[in-house]
């Protein structure tokens, strides 16, 4: 079995996230991709992030109907900040050593990778999949990680969660940027207004 993990805030999840997951499934021949919304991202202030319960539900709505996609509340159940190494260790423990484990991340994260908690342990614990981001070159980042990554040439779609939140705040449409069920949920729960 081969599993891809997509960590992130997903505030909200959007079409580009889903395209990346679908591309990783196909190109890397993964059996599944699991979205892991971070409950308390160490790099963001708590009051800047929508509650993890809302973010988990939006991911559930976005992936509904695709059996190859799943969502995990692992980080939501932790009382401490969400560190990638802790998540990888937990999944490794649950899935076993025989499972191929891939961590999917944006190319913009490469430059910051060695500021993460236990980066060398992280490099040893899983394989990395790097997705290009607008404005970030394919070779930007520390050579210690660059030699260990799979590059996923997914379509470059410049959609950001922060732009979606701003659009909602200013009354602009988010149709086609998020799945329709997510858009309905945002409106129904009055998120980002």
C-alpha atoms as a PDB file:
ATOM      1  CA  UNK A   1       0.000   0.000   0.000  1.00  0.00           C
ATOM      2  CA  UNK A   2       1.030   3.586  -0.629  1.00  0.00           C
ATOM      3  CA  UNK A   3      -0.522   6.506   1.223  1.00  0.00           C
ATOM      4  CA  UNK A   4      -0.124  10.213   0.646  1.00  0.00           C
ATOM      5  CA  UNK A   5      -0.668  12.650   3.479  1.00  0.00           C
ATOM      6  CA  UNK A   6      -1.648  16.237   2.770  1.00  0.00           C
ATOM      7  CA  UNK A   7      -1.221  18.429   5.786  1.00  0.00           C
ATOM      8  CA  UNK A   8      -2.334  22.007   5.990  1.00  0.00           C
ATOM      9  CA  UNK A   9      -4.744  24.423   7.518  1.00  0.00           C
ATOM     10  CA  UNK A  10      -7.396  23.978   4.775  1.00  0.00           C
ATOM     11  CA  UNK A  11      -9.091  27.223   5.803  1.00  0.00           C
ATOM     12  CA  UNK A  12     -10.947  26.520   3.525  1.00  0.00           C
ATOM     13  CA  UNK A  13     -10.044  23.554   1.340  1.00  0.00           C
ATOM     14  CA  UNK A  14     -10.243  24.557  -2.337  1.00  0.00           C
ATOM     15  CA  UNK A  15     -10.111  23.146  -5.844  1.00  0.00           C
ATOM     16  CA  UNK A  16      -6.306  23.361  -6.126  1.00  0.00           C
ATOM     17  CA  UNK A  17      -5.942  21.101  -3.052  1.00  0.00           C
ATOM     18  CA  UNK A  18      -8.183  18.520  -4.705  1.00  0.00           C
ATOM     19  CA  UNK A  19      -6.350  18.713  -8.034  1.00  0.00           C
ATOM     20  CA  UNK A  20      -3.037  18.121  -6.251  1.00  0.00           C
ATOM     21  CA  UNK A  21      -4.472  15.099  -4.400  1.00  0.00           C
ATOM     22  CA  UNK A  22      -5.858  13.632  -7.639  1.00  0.00           C
ATOM     23  CA  UNK A  23      -2.557  14.190  -9.437  1.00  0.00           C
ATOM     24  CA  UNK A  24      -0.594  12.554  -6.598  1.00  0.00           C
ATOM     25  CA  UNK A  25      -2.927   9.538  -6.681  1.00  0.00           C
ATOM     26  CA  UNK A  26      -2.418   9.063 -10.407  1.00  0.00           C
ATOM     27  CA  UNK A  27       1.217   9.948 -10.952  1.00  0.00           C
ATOM     28  CA  UNK A  28       2.626   8.289  -7.832  1.00  0.00           C
ATOM     29  CA  UNK A  29       0.191   5.365  -8.022  1.00  0.00           C
ATOM     30  CA  UNK A  30      -0.999   5.954  -4.473  1.00  0.00           C
ATOM     31  CA  UNK A  31      -3.819   3.917  -2.999  1.00  0.00           C
ATOM     32  CA  UNK A  32      -5.190   6.887  -1.105  1.00  0.00           C
ATOM     33  CA  UNK A  33      -4.555  10.451  -0.021  1.00  0.00           C
ATOM     34  CA  UNK A  34      -5.461  11.482   3.509  1.00  0.00           C
ATOM     35  CA  UNK A  35      -6.049  15.159   4.283  1.00  0.00           C
ATOM     36  CA  UNK A  36      -4.801  16.060   7.764  1.00  0.00           C
ATOM     37  CA  UNK A  37      -6.060  19.501   8.822  1.00  0.00           C
ATOM     38  CA  UNK A  38      -3.800  20.938  11.460  1.00  0.00           C
ATOM     39  CA  UNK A  39      -5.589  21.950  14.639  1.00  0.00           C
ATOM     40  CA  UNK A  40      -3.049  24.382  16.030  1.00  0.00           C
ATOM     41  CA  UNK A  41      -0.458  25.210  13.387  1.00  0.00           C
ATOM     42  CA  UNK A  42       2.732  26.357  15.162  1.00  0.00           C
ATOM     43  CA  UNK A  43       3.349  29.052  12.522  1.00  0.00           C
ATOM     44  CA  UNK A  44      -0.096  30.717  12.784  1.00  0.00           C
ATOM     45  CA  UNK A  45      -1.794  32.601  15.589  1.00  0.00           C
ATOM     46  CA  UNK A  46      -4.762  30.696  16.999  1.00  0.00           C
ATOM     47  CA  UNK A  47      -7.230  33.534  16.476  1.00  0.00           C
ATOM     48  CA  UNK A  48      -6.385  33.666  12.763  1.00  0.00           C
ATOM     49  CA  UNK A  49      -7.599  30.120  12.100  1.00  0.00           C
ATOM     50  CA  UNK A  50     -11.189  28.896  11.791  1.00  0.00           C
ATOM     51  CA  UNK A  51     -12.107  26.169  14.276  1.00  0.00           C
ATOM     52  CA  UNK A  52     -10.779  22.754  13.336  1.00  0.00           C
ATOM     53  CA  UNK A  53     -14.292  21.304  13.488  1.00  0.00           C
ATOM     54  CA  UNK A  54     -15.410  23.578  10.633  1.00  0.00           C
ATOM     55  CA  UNK A  55     -12.264  22.839   8.627  1.00  0.00           C
ATOM     56  CA  UNK A  56     -12.653  19.070   9.078  1.00  0.00           C
ATOM     57  CA  UNK A  57     -16.272  19.257   7.930  1.00  0.00           C
ATOM     58  CA  UNK A  58     -15.341  21.301   4.855  1.00  0.00           C
ATOM     59  CA  UNK A  59     -12.736  18.682   3.893  1.00  0.00           C
ATOM     60  CA  UNK A  60     -15.313  15.899   4.422  1.00  0.00           C
ATOM     61  CA  UNK A  61     -17.749  17.713   2.138  1.00  0.00           C
ATOM     62  CA  UNK A  62     -15.073  18.375  -0.500  1.00  0.00           C
ATOM     63  CA  UNK A  63     -13.959  14.743  -0.805  1.00  0.00           C
ATOM     64  CA  UNK A  64     -17.358  13.103  -0.499  1.00  0.00           C
ATOM     65  CA  UNK A  65     -17.878  10.495  -3.184  1.00  0.00           C
ATOM     66  CA  UNK A  66     -14.191   9.752  -3.885  1.00  0.00           C
ATOM     67  CA  UNK A  67     -13.196   6.569  -2.007  1.00  0.00           C
ATOM     68  CA  UNK A  68      -9.496   7.269  -2.650  1.00  0.00           C
ATOM     69  CA  UNK A  69      -9.636  10.408  -0.505  1.00  0.00           C
ATOM     70  CA  UNK A  70     -10.007  10.525   3.270  1.00  0.00           C
ATOM     71  CA  UNK A  71      -9.717  13.000   6.120  1.00  0.00           C
ATOM     72  CA  UNK A  72      -8.053  12.426   9.490  1.00  0.00           C
ATOM     73  CA  UNK A  73      -8.819  14.235  12.735  1.00  0.00           C
ATOM     74  CA  UNK A  74      -5.513  13.058  14.241  1.00  0.00           C
ATOM     75  CA  UNK A  75      -4.163  16.573  14.751  1.00  0.00           C
ATOM     76  CA  UNK A  76      -7.528  17.858  15.979  1.00  0.00           C
ATOM     77  CA  UNK A  77      -7.350  15.371  18.857  1.00  0.00           C
ATOM     78  CA  UNK A  78      -3.961  16.646  20.035  1.00  0.00           C
ATOM     79  CA  UNK A  79      -3.799  19.268  22.782  1.00  0.00           C
ATOM     80  CA  UNK A  80      -0.415  20.611  21.643  1.00  0.00           C
ATOM     81  CA  UNK A  81       0.574  22.404  18.425  1.00  0.00           C
ATOM     82  CA  UNK A  82       0.531  20.286  15.267  1.00  0.00           C
ATOM     83  CA  UNK A  83       4.024  19.274  14.185  1.00  0.00           C
ATOM     84  CA  UNK A  84       4.481  17.278  11.001  1.00  0.00           C
ATOM     85  CA  UNK A  85       6.966  14.861  12.584  1.00  0.00           C
ATOM     86  CA  UNK A  86       4.455  13.861  15.274  1.00  0.00           C
ATOM     87  CA  UNK A  87       1.797  13.238  12.637  1.00  0.00           C
ATOM     88  CA  UNK A  88       4.149  11.176  10.470  1.00  0.00           C
ATOM     89  CA  UNK A  89       5.256   9.121  13.490  1.00  0.00           C
ATOM     90  CA  UNK A  90       1.625   8.432  14.419  1.00  0.00           C
ATOM     91  CA  UNK A  91       0.684   7.359  10.893  1.00  0.00           C
ATOM     92  CA  UNK A  92       3.854   5.246  10.633  1.00  0.00           C
ATOM     93  CA  UNK A  93       2.919   3.538  13.907  1.00  0.00           C
ATOM     94  CA  UNK A  94      -0.651   2.857  12.745  1.00  0.00           C
ATOM     95  CA  UNK A  95       0.152   1.820   9.163  1.00  0.00           C
ATOM     96  CA  UNK A  96       3.347  -0.139   9.806  1.00  0.00           C
ATOM     97  CA  UNK A  97       6.787  -0.023   8.254  1.00  0.00           C
ATOM     98  CA  UNK A  98       5.749  -1.797   5.044  1.00  0.00           C
ATOM     99  CA  UNK A  99       3.416   1.044   4.006  1.00  0.00           C
ATOM    100  CA  UNK A 100       4.963   3.594   1.647  1.00  0.00           C
ATOM    101  CA  UNK A 101       4.222   6.953   3.201  1.00  0.00           C
ATOM    102  CA  UNK A 102       4.384  10.182   1.194  1.00  0.00           C
ATOM    103  CA  UNK A 103       4.042  13.694   2.576  1.00  0.00           C
ATOM    104  CA  UNK A 104       2.705  16.123  -0.035  1.00  0.00           C
ATOM    105  CA  UNK A 105       3.748  19.758   0.373  1.00  0.00           C
ATOM    106  CA  UNK A 106       3.984  22.959  -1.616  1.00  0.00           C
ATOM    107  CA  UNK A 107       7.283  24.072  -3.085  1.00  0.00           C
ATOM    108  CA  UNK A 108       7.132  27.200  -0.940  1.00  0.00           C
ATOM    109  CA  UNK A 109       7.640  24.989   2.150  1.00  0.00           C
ATOM    110  CA  UNK A 110      11.036  23.737   0.964  1.00  0.00           C
ATOM    111  CA  UNK A 111      12.865  26.908   1.963  1.00  0.00           C
ATOM    112  CA  UNK A 112      11.483  26.614   5.514  1.00  0.00           C
ATOM    113  CA  UNK A 113      11.823  22.846   5.885  1.00  0.00           C
ATOM    114  CA  UNK A 114      14.857  22.915   8.201  1.00  0.00           C
ATOM    115  CA  UNK A 115      13.036  25.236  10.613  1.00  0.00           C
ATOM    116  CA  UNK A 116      10.459  22.467  11.205  1.00  0.00           C
ATOM    117  CA  UNK A 117      10.618  20.252  14.291  1.00  0.00           C
ATOM    118  CA  UNK A 118      13.087  17.319  13.887  1.00  0.00           C
ATOM    119  CA  UNK A 119      13.657  17.792  10.132  1.00  0.00           C
ATOM    120  CA  UNK A 120      16.275  15.027   9.807  1.00  0.00           C
ATOM    121  CA  UNK A 121      13.951  12.513  11.499  1.00  0.00           C
ATOM    122  CA  UNK A 122      11.227  13.660   9.141  1.00  0.00           C
ATOM    123  CA  UNK A 123      13.432  13.035   6.105  1.00  0.00           C
ATOM    124  CA  UNK A 124      14.008   9.480   7.307  1.00  0.00           C
ATOM    125  CA  UNK A 125      10.366   8.759   8.187  1.00  0.00           C
ATOM    126  CA  UNK A 126       8.647   9.255   4.821  1.00  0.00           C
ATOM    127  CA  UNK A 127       9.011  10.245   1.201  1.00  0.00           C
ATOM    128  CA  UNK A 128       8.332  13.826   0.152  1.00  0.00           C
ATOM    129  CA  UNK A 129       6.264  15.037  -2.752  1.00  0.00           C
ATOM    130  CA  UNK A 130       6.746  18.655  -3.713  1.00  0.00           C
ATOM    131  CA  UNK A 131       4.148  20.512  -5.727  1.00  0.00           C
ATOM    132  CA  UNK A 132       5.198  23.659  -7.583  1.00  0.00           C
ATOM    133  CA  UNK A 133       3.784  26.962  -6.399  1.00  0.00           C
ATOM    134  CA  UNK A 134       3.550  30.167  -8.425  1.00  0.00           C
ATOM    135  CA  UNK A 135       6.706  32.241  -7.977  1.00  0.00           C
ATOM    136  CA  UNK A 136       8.797  29.421  -6.466  1.00  0.00           C
ATOM    137  CA  UNK A 137      11.471  27.785  -8.600  1.00  0.00           C
ATOM    138  CA  UNK A 138      11.776  23.973  -8.668  1.00  0.00           C
ATOM    139  CA  UNK A 139      15.282  24.047  -7.164  1.00  0.00           C
ATOM    140  CA  UNK A 140      14.690  26.455  -4.307  1.00  0.00           C
ATOM    141  CA  UNK A 141      15.393  24.841  -0.965  1.00  0.00           C
ATOM    142  CA  UNK A 142      18.097  23.031   0.950  1.00  0.00           C
ATOM    143  CA  UNK A 143      19.959  20.375  -1.101  1.00  0.00           C
ATOM    144  CA  UNK A 144      19.457  17.831   1.727  1.00  0.00           C
ATOM    145  CA  UNK A 145      15.757  17.750   0.975  1.00  0.00           C
ATOM    146  CA  UNK A 146      15.917  18.465  -2.758  1.00  0.00           C
ATOM    147  CA  UNK A 147      17.692  15.149  -3.388  1.00  0.00           C
ATOM    148  CA  UNK A 148      14.945  13.257  -1.531  1.00  0.00           C
ATOM    149  CA  UNK A 149      11.801  14.658  -3.111  1.00  0.00           C
ATOM    150  CA  UNK A 150       9.458  13.517  -5.831  1.00  0.00           C
ATOM    151  CA  UNK A 151       8.427  16.494  -7.915  1.00  0.00           C
ATOM    152  CA  UNK A 152       4.790  16.498  -8.862  1.00  0.00           C
ATOM    153  CA  UNK A 153       4.159  18.628 -11.895  1.00  0.00           C
ATOM    154  CA  UNK A 154       0.529  19.279 -11.077  1.00  0.00           C
ATOM    155  CA  UNK A 155      -1.142  22.155 -12.910  1.00  0.00           C
ATOM    156  CA  UNK A 156      -0.213  25.508 -11.388  1.00  0.00           C
ATOM    157  CA  UNK A 157      -3.475  26.937 -10.136  1.00  0.00           C
ATOM    158  CA  UNK A 158      -3.017  30.114  -8.167  1.00  0.00           C
ATOM    159  CA  UNK A 159      -5.822  29.789  -5.613  1.00  0.00           C
ATOM    160  CA  UNK A 160      -5.201  30.557  -1.976  1.00  0.00           C
ATOM    161  CA  UNK A 161      -7.343  30.051   1.082  1.00  0.00           C
ATOM    162  CA  UNK A 162      -6.525  33.578   2.235  1.00  0.00           C
ATOM    163  CA  UNK A 163      -7.868  34.983  -1.051  1.00  0.00           C
ATOM    164  CA  UNK A 164     -11.052  32.925  -0.648  1.00  0.00           C
ATOM    165  CA  UNK A 165     -11.535  34.236   2.899  1.00  0.00           C
ATOM    166  CA  UNK A 166     -11.017  37.796   1.656  1.00  0.00           C
ATOM    167  CA  UNK A 167     -13.519  37.295  -1.163  1.00  0.00           C
ATOM    168  CA  UNK A 168     -16.136  36.129   1.335  1.00  0.00           C
ATOM    169  CA  UNK A 169     -15.356  39.081   3.641  1.00  0.00           C
ATOM    170  CA  UNK A 170     -15.855  41.539   0.785  1.00  0.00           C
ATOM    171  CA  UNK A 171     -18.949  39.862  -0.666  1.00  0.00           C
ATOM    172  CA  UNK A 172     -17.310  38.512  -3.822  1.00  0.00           C
ATOM    173  CA  UNK A 173     -18.116  35.097  -5.306  1.00  0.00           C
ATOM    174  CA  UNK A 174     -16.101  31.984  -4.477  1.00  0.00           C
ATOM    175  CA  UNK A 175     -18.016  29.822  -6.942  1.00  0.00           C
ATOM    176  CA  UNK A 176     -15.639  27.479  -8.841  1.00  0.00           C
ATOM    177  CA  UNK A 177     -12.825  28.110  -6.321  1.00  0.00           C
ATOM    178  CA  UNK A 178     -14.218  25.640  -3.778  1.00  0.00           C
ATOM    179  CA  UNK A 179     -16.519  22.647  -4.245  1.00  0.00           C
ATOM    180  CA  UNK A 180     -20.180  23.652  -4.225  1.00  0.00           C
ATOM    181  CA  UNK A 181     -20.832  21.786  -0.949  1.00  0.00           C
ATOM    182  CA  UNK A 182     -18.014  23.759   0.709  1.00  0.00           C
ATOM    183  CA  UNK A 183     -19.378  27.049  -0.630  1.00  0.00           C
ATOM    184  CA  UNK A 184     -22.827  26.165   0.753  1.00  0.00           C
ATOM    185  CA  UNK A 185     -21.308  25.267   4.133  1.00  0.00           C
ATOM    186  CA  UNK A 186     -19.381  28.557   4.313  1.00  0.00           C
ATOM    187  CA  UNK A 187     -22.570  30.491   3.569  1.00  0.00           C
ATOM    188  CA  UNK A 188     -24.729  28.448   5.950  1.00  0.00           C
ATOM    189  CA  UNK A 189     -22.263  28.767   8.848  1.00  0.00           C
ATOM    190  CA  UNK A 190     -21.467  32.403   8.039  1.00  0.00           C
ATOM    191  CA  UNK A 191     -17.723  31.714   7.949  1.00  0.00           C
ATOM    192  CA  UNK A 192     -15.199  34.415   6.993  1.00  0.00           C
ATOM    193  CA  UNK A 193     -17.780  37.233   6.982  1.00  0.00           C
END
